[in-house]
Protein backbone atom coordinates (compact mmCIF):
# COMPACT_ATOMS: atom_id res chain seq x y z
CA MET A 1 16.29 -11.19 -68.60
CA SER A 2 15.89 -11.52 -64.93
CA ILE A 3 14.31 -14.95 -64.31
CA CYS A 4 15.65 -18.01 -62.81
CA GLY A 5 14.95 -21.77 -61.41
CA LEU A 6 16.30 -21.79 -57.76
CA ASP A 7 16.24 -25.52 -56.81
CA PHE A 8 17.13 -25.33 -53.06
CA GLY A 9 18.08 -29.19 -51.94
CA THR A 10 18.76 -31.15 -49.15
CA SER A 11 21.91 -31.80 -50.14
CA ASN A 12 22.82 -29.76 -53.05
CA THR A 13 21.78 -26.84 -54.90
CA THR A 14 21.26 -25.44 -58.55
CA LEU A 15 19.90 -22.51 -60.17
CA GLY A 16 19.04 -22.27 -63.88
CA THR A 17 18.94 -19.60 -66.07
CA VAL A 18 17.99 -19.16 -69.78
CA MET A 19 20.42 -19.02 -72.88
CA SER A 20 19.58 -18.67 -76.04
CA ASP A 21 16.18 -20.06 -75.27
CA VAL A 22 17.45 -23.08 -73.48
CA PRO A 23 18.19 -23.63 -69.53
CA VAL A 24 21.68 -23.49 -68.46
CA LEU A 25 22.21 -23.92 -65.37
CA ALA A 26 25.05 -21.29 -64.00
CA ALA A 27 28.35 -22.19 -62.02
CA LEU A 28 28.08 -21.65 -58.72
CA GLU A 29 31.57 -22.99 -56.93
CA GLY A 30 34.60 -22.48 -59.75
CA ASP A 31 33.38 -24.83 -62.62
CA HIS A 32 30.71 -26.42 -60.48
CA VAL A 33 26.44 -25.92 -61.41
CA THR A 34 26.21 -27.88 -58.17
CA ILE A 35 26.66 -26.58 -54.74
CA PRO A 36 26.52 -28.10 -51.55
CA SER A 37 23.85 -27.11 -49.35
CA ALA A 38 25.97 -25.91 -46.15
CA ILE A 39 27.32 -23.14 -44.49
CA PHE A 40 30.50 -22.82 -42.33
CA TYR A 41 30.18 -19.81 -39.87
CA LYS A 42 34.31 -18.98 -39.19
CA ALA A 43 34.83 -18.14 -35.45
CA ASP A 44 36.23 -14.96 -36.18
CA GLY A 45 33.57 -14.00 -38.04
CA GLY A 46 32.26 -14.22 -41.77
CA ALA A 47 31.21 -17.73 -43.33
CA HIS A 48 32.00 -19.75 -46.22
CA ILE A 49 29.00 -22.03 -48.26
CA GLY A 50 29.65 -25.02 -50.51
CA ARG A 51 32.30 -27.17 -50.67
CA ARG A 52 34.38 -24.50 -49.43
CA ALA A 53 32.38 -24.62 -45.86
CA ILE A 54 32.60 -28.20 -45.90
CA GLU A 55 36.95 -28.23 -46.41
CA ALA A 56 37.36 -25.59 -44.03
CA TYR A 57 35.40 -27.88 -41.19
CA VAL A 58 37.38 -30.92 -42.44
CA GLU A 59 40.57 -28.64 -42.12
CA GLY A 60 40.25 -28.31 -38.44
CA ASP A 61 39.27 -24.17 -38.78
CA ASN A 62 37.87 -22.97 -35.89
CA GLY A 63 33.77 -22.70 -36.67
CA ARG A 64 30.87 -24.18 -37.18
CA LEU A 65 29.69 -26.40 -40.01
CA MET A 66 25.47 -26.48 -40.30
CA ARG A 67 24.45 -29.21 -43.74
CA SER A 68 21.19 -29.89 -44.88
CA LEU A 69 19.75 -26.90 -43.98
CA LYS A 70 16.48 -27.37 -46.10
CA SER A 71 15.21 -30.12 -43.40
CA VAL A 72 14.27 -27.46 -41.17
CA LEU A 73 11.48 -26.77 -43.24
CA GLY A 74 8.48 -28.02 -42.02
CA THR A 75 9.48 -28.34 -38.70
CA SER A 76 9.46 -25.66 -35.10
CA LEU A 77 13.25 -25.56 -35.48
CA ILE A 78 12.51 -22.77 -38.72
CA ASP A 79 11.70 -20.31 -35.64
CA GLU A 80 14.25 -21.38 -33.41
CA THR A 81 17.58 -19.72 -32.94
CA THR A 82 20.91 -21.48 -32.74
CA ARG A 83 24.59 -20.63 -31.62
CA VAL A 84 26.53 -19.28 -34.42
CA GLY A 85 29.98 -18.00 -32.48
CA ARG A 86 28.33 -15.35 -29.68
CA GLU A 87 24.98 -14.76 -31.16
CA ARG A 88 22.21 -16.85 -32.15
CA VAL A 89 21.25 -16.53 -35.44
CA LYS A 90 17.08 -17.88 -36.55
CA PHE A 91 16.99 -20.77 -38.65
CA ARG A 92 15.07 -18.93 -41.18
CA ASP A 93 18.32 -16.09 -41.42
CA VAL A 94 20.62 -18.90 -41.67
CA ILE A 95 18.62 -20.18 -44.93
CA ALA A 96 18.72 -16.99 -46.52
CA TYR A 97 22.02 -15.76 -46.23
CA TYR A 98 23.15 -19.12 -47.73
CA ILE A 99 20.07 -18.22 -50.44
CA ALA A 100 21.39 -15.06 -51.11
CA ALA A 101 25.25 -16.22 -51.38
CA VAL A 102 23.69 -18.55 -54.19
CA LYS A 103 21.69 -15.60 -55.60
CA ARG A 104 24.92 -13.52 -56.16
CA ARG A 105 27.28 -16.12 -56.91
CA ALA A 106 24.44 -16.77 -60.12
CA GLU A 107 24.48 -13.33 -61.21
CA GLN A 108 28.20 -12.56 -60.79
CA THR A 109 28.13 -15.64 -63.36
CA VAL A 110 25.32 -14.56 -66.06
CA GLY A 111 26.02 -10.81 -65.38
CA TYR A 112 22.73 -9.70 -64.56
CA GLU A 113 20.14 -9.30 -61.69
CA LEU A 114 17.67 -12.16 -60.85
CA ARG A 115 14.49 -11.04 -59.99
CA GLN A 116 11.87 -13.39 -60.57
CA VAL A 117 12.18 -17.07 -59.49
CA VAL A 118 10.32 -20.32 -59.50
CA HIS A 119 11.52 -22.33 -56.59
CA GLY A 120 11.32 -25.89 -56.36
CA ARG A 121 9.51 -27.30 -53.63
CA PRO A 122 8.65 -30.87 -52.67
CA VAL A 123 5.77 -32.71 -53.12
CA HIS A 124 4.85 -32.45 -48.90
CA PHE A 125 7.97 -30.69 -46.66
CA VAL A 126 5.35 -32.58 -44.21
CA ASP A 127 3.98 -36.04 -44.70
CA ASP A 128 -0.05 -35.92 -43.81
CA ASN A 129 -0.25 -32.71 -42.55
CA PRO A 130 -1.59 -29.52 -45.02
CA ASP A 131 -1.23 -26.86 -42.23
CA GLY A 132 2.65 -27.61 -41.44
CA ASP A 133 3.18 -28.27 -45.31
CA ALA A 134 1.41 -24.25 -46.23
CA LYS A 135 3.19 -22.80 -43.46
CA ALA A 136 6.86 -24.30 -44.52
CA GLU A 137 5.93 -22.87 -48.27
CA THR A 138 5.45 -19.30 -46.63
CA ALA A 139 8.80 -19.66 -44.57
CA LEU A 140 10.30 -20.39 -47.83
CA ARG A 141 8.66 -17.84 -49.89
CA GLY A 142 9.70 -15.13 -47.05
CA ILE A 143 13.43 -16.64 -47.14
CA ALA A 144 13.77 -15.82 -50.80
CA GLU A 145 12.48 -12.56 -50.47
CA ALA A 146 15.05 -11.73 -48.23
CA ALA A 147 17.62 -13.33 -49.80
CA GLY A 148 16.56 -10.47 -52.58
CA PHE A 149 14.10 -11.97 -54.97
CA ARG A 150 11.02 -9.77 -56.23
CA ASP A 151 8.76 -12.35 -57.46
CA ILE A 152 8.65 -15.48 -56.24
CA SER A 153 6.37 -18.33 -57.40
CA PHE A 154 6.78 -22.61 -56.51
CA GLN A 155 6.50 -26.11 -58.64
CA PHE A 156 6.62 -29.54 -57.42
CA GLU A 157 10.09 -30.90 -57.98
CA PRO A 158 8.82 -33.91 -59.75
CA ILE A 159 7.01 -31.55 -62.06
CA ALA A 160 10.00 -29.58 -62.78
CA ALA A 161 11.79 -32.61 -63.57
CA ALA A 162 9.35 -34.00 -66.05
CA LEU A 163 9.36 -30.92 -68.31
CA ASP A 164 12.99 -31.21 -68.46
CA TYR A 165 12.76 -34.88 -69.43
CA GLU A 166 10.13 -33.63 -72.17
CA ARG A 167 12.56 -31.95 -74.39
CA HIS A 168 14.35 -35.04 -75.11
CA ILE A 169 10.80 -37.11 -76.19
CA GLY A 170 9.82 -37.65 -80.18
CA SER A 171 5.94 -38.83 -79.15
CA GLU A 172 3.52 -38.60 -76.41
CA GLU A 173 3.97 -41.04 -73.32
CA ILE A 174 2.50 -41.35 -69.66
CA ALA A 175 5.55 -41.10 -67.83
CA LEU A 176 6.45 -41.61 -64.17
CA ILE A 177 9.05 -38.89 -62.57
CA ALA A 178 11.01 -40.05 -59.56
CA ASP A 179 12.75 -37.78 -57.86
CA ILE A 180 14.55 -39.06 -54.90
CA GLY A 181 16.64 -36.28 -53.21
CA GLY A 182 18.62 -35.80 -49.94
CA GLY A 183 14.74 -35.16 -47.95
CA THR A 184 11.91 -36.25 -49.47
CA SER A 185 11.22 -38.89 -52.49
CA ASP A 186 8.55 -37.05 -54.91
CA PHE A 187 6.69 -38.89 -57.57
CA SER A 188 4.44 -37.45 -60.34
CA ILE A 189 2.73 -38.97 -63.13
CA VAL A 190 2.47 -36.87 -66.36
CA ARG A 191 0.90 -37.17 -69.64
CA LEU A 192 4.17 -35.56 -71.82
CA SER A 193 4.72 -34.95 -75.62
CA PRO A 194 6.52 -32.35 -77.99
CA GLU A 195 3.46 -30.37 -78.80
CA ARG A 196 2.27 -30.43 -74.91
CA HIS A 197 5.71 -29.08 -74.15
CA ARG A 198 4.91 -25.99 -76.32
CA HIS A 199 1.81 -25.25 -73.64
CA THR A 200 1.75 -23.01 -70.41
CA GLU A 201 -1.13 -24.47 -68.67
CA ARG A 202 -0.10 -28.36 -68.04
CA LYS A 203 -3.08 -28.66 -65.57
CA ASP A 204 -4.54 -31.23 -66.82
CA ASP A 205 -1.61 -33.50 -68.12
CA ILE A 206 -0.18 -34.29 -64.52
CA LEU A 207 -2.43 -37.28 -63.21
CA ALA A 208 -0.74 -37.84 -59.91
CA ASN A 209 1.40 -36.21 -57.65
CA ASP A 210 2.75 -37.49 -54.36
CA GLY A 211 5.76 -37.64 -52.02
CA VAL A 212 6.90 -38.88 -48.59
CA ARG A 213 9.63 -37.08 -46.55
CA ILE A 214 12.23 -39.70 -46.99
CA GLY A 215 15.71 -38.95 -49.00
CA GLY A 216 19.40 -39.57 -49.06
CA THR A 217 19.93 -38.24 -45.36
CA ASP A 218 17.30 -41.08 -44.01
CA PHE A 219 19.43 -43.42 -45.65
CA ASP A 220 22.40 -42.40 -44.09
CA ARG A 221 20.96 -42.03 -40.80
CA TYR A 222 19.73 -45.67 -40.92
CA LEU A 223 23.34 -47.00 -42.21
CA SER A 224 24.36 -45.07 -39.52
CA LEU A 225 22.61 -46.25 -36.84
CA GLY A 226 23.12 -49.71 -38.07
CA VAL A 227 26.28 -49.79 -38.35
CA VAL A 228 28.45 -46.95 -36.69
CA MET A 229 26.81 -46.34 -33.65
CA PRO A 230 26.61 -49.43 -31.61
CA LEU A 231 30.60 -48.62 -31.94
CA LEU A 232 29.96 -46.07 -29.85
CA GLY A 233 27.25 -47.69 -27.61
CA TYR A 234 23.98 -47.53 -29.06
CA ARG A 235 21.85 -49.88 -27.87
CA SER A 236 24.56 -51.43 -25.92
CA ALA A 237 23.58 -52.13 -21.68
CA MET A 238 23.53 -50.18 -18.74
CA LYS A 239 24.23 -51.77 -15.32
CA ARG A 240 20.84 -51.94 -14.41
CA ALA A 241 19.11 -54.90 -15.93
CA GLY A 242 16.79 -54.10 -18.49
CA LEU A 243 18.02 -50.89 -19.88
CA ASP A 244 20.12 -49.72 -22.62
CA VAL A 245 21.91 -46.17 -23.01
CA PRO A 246 19.90 -43.23 -23.76
CA SER A 247 19.02 -44.19 -27.63
CA GLY A 248 18.29 -40.30 -28.12
CA TYR A 249 21.94 -39.13 -28.37
CA PHE A 250 22.62 -41.50 -31.43
CA HIS A 251 19.63 -40.87 -33.15
CA ASP A 252 20.76 -36.76 -32.81
CA LEU A 253 24.30 -37.64 -33.73
CA ALA A 254 23.15 -39.37 -36.69
CA THR A 255 21.15 -37.09 -38.31
CA TRP A 256 22.35 -34.12 -40.33
CA SER A 257 20.18 -31.40 -39.02
CA SER A 258 20.76 -32.41 -34.89
CA ILE A 259 24.24 -32.85 -35.06
CA ASN A 260 25.43 -29.47 -33.84
CA SER A 261 22.80 -30.13 -30.82
CA MET A 262 25.60 -32.62 -29.56
CA TYR A 263 28.00 -29.97 -29.01
CA ASP A 264 26.20 -28.87 -25.83
CA PRO A 265 28.06 -28.55 -22.93
CA LYS A 266 25.10 -30.09 -20.84
CA VAL A 267 24.63 -32.98 -23.66
CA ILE A 268 28.63 -33.73 -22.73
CA ARG A 269 28.23 -34.09 -19.29
CA GLU A 270 25.02 -36.24 -19.22
CA ILE A 271 26.55 -38.77 -21.81
CA ARG A 272 29.88 -39.00 -19.23
CA GLN A 273 27.21 -38.88 -16.49
CA VAL A 274 25.44 -42.02 -18.35
CA ARG A 275 29.19 -43.04 -18.79
CA TYR A 276 29.68 -44.41 -15.26
CA GLU A 277 26.12 -46.39 -15.08
CA ALA A 278 26.58 -48.57 -18.10
CA SER A 279 27.91 -52.02 -18.49
CA ARG A 280 30.51 -50.90 -21.59
CA PRO A 281 32.10 -47.40 -20.48
CA GLU A 282 35.08 -47.65 -22.99
CA LEU A 283 31.99 -47.22 -25.27
CA LEU A 284 30.77 -44.47 -24.44
CA ASP A 285 34.49 -43.05 -23.71
CA ARG A 286 34.69 -43.42 -28.13
CA LEU A 287 31.18 -40.92 -28.07
CA VAL A 288 32.47 -38.54 -25.89
CA ARG A 289 35.85 -38.03 -27.69
CA VAL A 290 33.70 -37.80 -31.00
CA LEU A 291 32.08 -34.79 -29.15
CA ASP A 292 34.81 -33.76 -27.66
CA GLU A 293 36.68 -33.28 -31.10
CA GLN A 294 33.27 -31.60 -32.41
CA ARG A 295 33.62 -34.42 -35.49
CA GLY A 296 30.01 -35.37 -35.45
CA HIS A 297 29.99 -34.15 -39.12
CA THR A 298 32.94 -36.25 -39.89
CA LEU A 299 30.97 -39.33 -38.82
CA ALA A 300 27.95 -38.57 -41.31
CA MET A 301 30.60 -37.59 -44.07
CA GLU A 302 32.35 -40.58 -44.02
CA VAL A 303 28.62 -42.86 -43.89
CA GLU A 304 27.79 -40.55 -46.62
CA GLY A 305 30.30 -41.84 -48.39
CA ALA A 306 30.44 -44.95 -47.93
CA LYS A 307 26.72 -45.58 -48.64
CA ILE A 308 27.51 -43.53 -52.05
CA SER A 309 30.62 -45.93 -53.00
CA LEU A 310 28.11 -48.94 -51.97
CA SER A 311 26.53 -48.28 -55.23
CA GLU A 312 29.43 -49.35 -57.31
CA LYS A 313 30.88 -52.04 -55.03
CA PRO A 314 29.95 -54.96 -52.81
CA LYS A 315 32.27 -53.75 -49.90
CA SER A 316 33.05 -50.71 -48.10
CA SER A 317 34.58 -49.35 -44.67
CA ILE A 318 34.97 -46.37 -42.32
CA ALA A 319 38.60 -46.03 -40.78
CA LEU A 320 37.70 -44.64 -37.25
CA ASP A 321 41.24 -44.65 -35.83
CA TRP A 322 41.01 -41.40 -34.95
CA ILE A 323 38.48 -42.22 -32.41
CA GLU A 324 40.46 -45.31 -31.30
CA LYS A 325 43.59 -47.08 -32.85
CA GLY A 326 42.50 -49.76 -35.49
CA LEU A 327 38.61 -49.36 -34.41
CA GLU A 328 37.16 -49.89 -38.27
CA ALA A 329 33.03 -50.02 -38.98
CA GLY A 330 33.51 -52.22 -42.30
CA ILE A 331 29.99 -51.88 -44.26
CA GLY A 332 28.79 -54.01 -47.15
CA ARG A 333 26.07 -53.83 -49.70
CA LYS A 334 23.65 -56.19 -47.93
CA ASP A 335 24.56 -54.18 -44.88
CA LEU A 336 23.20 -51.03 -46.40
CA VAL A 337 20.00 -52.86 -47.53
CA ASN A 338 19.48 -54.49 -44.32
CA HIS A 339 19.58 -51.26 -42.45
CA THR A 340 17.52 -49.48 -45.02
CA GLN A 341 15.06 -51.67 -46.33
CA ARG A 342 12.40 -50.12 -44.49
CA LEU A 343 12.94 -46.94 -46.62
CA ALA A 344 12.54 -48.49 -49.71
CA THR A 345 9.55 -50.38 -48.99
CA ARG A 346 8.01 -46.89 -48.24
CA ILE A 347 9.08 -45.36 -51.17
CA GLU A 348 7.53 -48.16 -53.03
CA ALA A 349 4.35 -47.62 -51.25
CA ARG A 350 4.36 -44.31 -52.81
CA ILE A 351 4.19 -45.61 -56.53
CA ASP A 352 1.30 -47.95 -55.62
CA ILE A 353 -0.75 -44.69 -54.23
CA CYS A 354 0.59 -42.56 -57.58
CA LEU A 355 -0.99 -45.52 -59.96
CA LYS A 356 -4.03 -45.14 -57.57
CA GLN A 357 -4.46 -41.41 -58.08
CA ALA A 358 -3.87 -41.68 -62.00
CA GLY A 359 -6.29 -44.65 -62.05
CA LEU A 360 -3.73 -46.69 -64.24
CA LYS A 361 -2.27 -49.89 -64.11
CA GLY A 362 1.73 -50.41 -63.51
CA ASP A 363 1.65 -51.40 -67.50
CA ASP A 364 0.28 -48.26 -68.59
CA ILE A 365 3.54 -46.35 -67.95
CA ASP A 366 5.50 -45.97 -71.09
CA ALA A 367 8.93 -44.71 -68.89
CA VAL A 368 9.80 -44.04 -65.77
CA PHE A 369 12.23 -41.13 -65.40
CA LEU A 370 14.62 -41.26 -62.86
CA THR A 371 16.47 -38.15 -60.80
CA GLY A 372 18.27 -37.33 -57.82
CA GLY A 373 21.35 -39.22 -55.99
CA SER A 374 19.70 -42.21 -54.13
CA VAL A 375 18.26 -43.40 -57.64
CA GLN A 376 21.64 -45.19 -57.48
CA LEU A 377 21.04 -47.01 -54.29
CA ALA A 378 19.85 -50.75 -56.13
CA HIS A 379 17.32 -51.57 -53.75
CA VAL A 380 15.65 -48.06 -54.01
CA ARG A 381 15.83 -48.54 -57.88
CA LYS A 382 14.10 -51.80 -58.18
CA ALA A 383 11.32 -50.34 -55.24
CA ILE A 384 10.61 -47.77 -57.97
CA THR A 385 10.64 -49.82 -61.20
CA SER A 386 9.42 -53.69 -59.91
CA LYS A 387 5.62 -52.85 -60.45
CA LEU A 388 6.62 -50.64 -63.87
CA LYS A 389 7.25 -53.79 -65.90
CA ALA A 390 6.74 -51.99 -69.20
CA ALA A 391 8.25 -49.07 -68.29
CA ARG A 392 11.79 -47.74 -69.93
CA ALA A 393 14.17 -46.87 -67.27
CA ILE A 394 15.53 -43.18 -67.71
CA ASP A 395 17.99 -41.63 -65.92
CA GLY A 396 17.95 -38.06 -65.49
CA ASP A 397 20.69 -35.36 -65.12
CA THR A 398 21.13 -36.54 -61.34
CA PHE A 399 21.54 -33.27 -59.66
CA GLY A 400 20.38 -30.94 -62.60
CA ALA A 401 17.03 -32.17 -63.83
CA VAL A 402 14.76 -30.05 -61.28
CA GLY A 403 17.16 -27.00 -61.89
CA LYS A 404 16.70 -27.12 -65.58
CA GLY A 405 12.68 -27.78 -64.99
CA LEU A 406 12.11 -24.82 -62.91
CA THR A 407 13.99 -22.70 -65.70
CA ILE A 408 11.86 -23.25 -68.03
CA GLU A 409 8.41 -22.82 -65.96
CA ALA A 410 10.11 -19.54 -65.22
CA ALA A 411 10.42 -18.80 -68.68
CA ARG A 412 6.73 -19.63 -69.24
CA ARG A 413 5.42 -18.00 -65.97
CA TYR A 414 7.65 -14.82 -66.50
CA GLY A 415 8.47 -14.63 -70.49
CA THR A 416 12.31 -14.25 -71.40
CA PRO A 417 12.51 -10.39 -72.59
């Protein structure tokens, strides 16, 4: 048996195999079946991945952290290089290193080589750009080959989640599958049943398939720009009337995949020059301190943590006294909604598009199956379910449903000898 299903996600990754005809996620980091999509290149050579990578960064080890690796797929960055120690490494090689490391860990867990993989992919790597979307899949195929897989195929992530959900139903139904991941939001409307679950070909059961490049990291970015970055000078005025401090620095610092670019000495010199022309130079001093200490990822992780906590409690806060004594960013649930509602609205619009594709009305949907970390945000959940009045809302395995479904698909495509 050499088959697996690989859900390489923007925030987390899982890899599933089949045991006793049941899809099972392999332990990839200790007892954890999920592993953060992160890599830390040590200054003295070598690298950590997953939680250990994040720990190395938080503990102040000398090196470079990279997160949200998947987000460069579908962008020009995939063919560019980034500095790692004294060398420059292609982004595609960074991703291949990570996926190969995940593959090796899974093989150590299951005890055999994994050669055939069904790779998860979003409905759209790139919005409204079929050529860019095809290039992204081609790049991911090449990366999987470089990581050591021999037979590689793809399945849409919401379809994979549907296959996992279908194992648990007792009668035929029409379900909308919503997978709100770290980088994309993907939706499918699928006709499901215990009988159909045994069929290999399911093309006619897929009634609609759509997605948008909005995910949890976008909610992090908008929340950071709304609450944290103003404390560092975002949208503050220059001395010259009518001008604000350039906003690009703050957008890059609030975006996981761009944070490392802010540590470039040239960028820091530019900001020091802007500081002299700013009406409130003390705010730019805070920004410079973040960059001098290479703590941009610390900010991003704190914002992400506050966002997650707001799904359970009305208020949260981010202690920033490491930047300046007594500095703190208070965040309420209302702030989260205010700063990210436009994202939820765009997600809601995709539900209308899916219903139109399927030729259905909201009341025709029997169930909505929710997976992915951001479905825990109340206003996102409402955006998905508000027009599906008759549908049962079912919470899937937040981080495992897609991986298990991809494993089911792998067993169908490649067999399980």
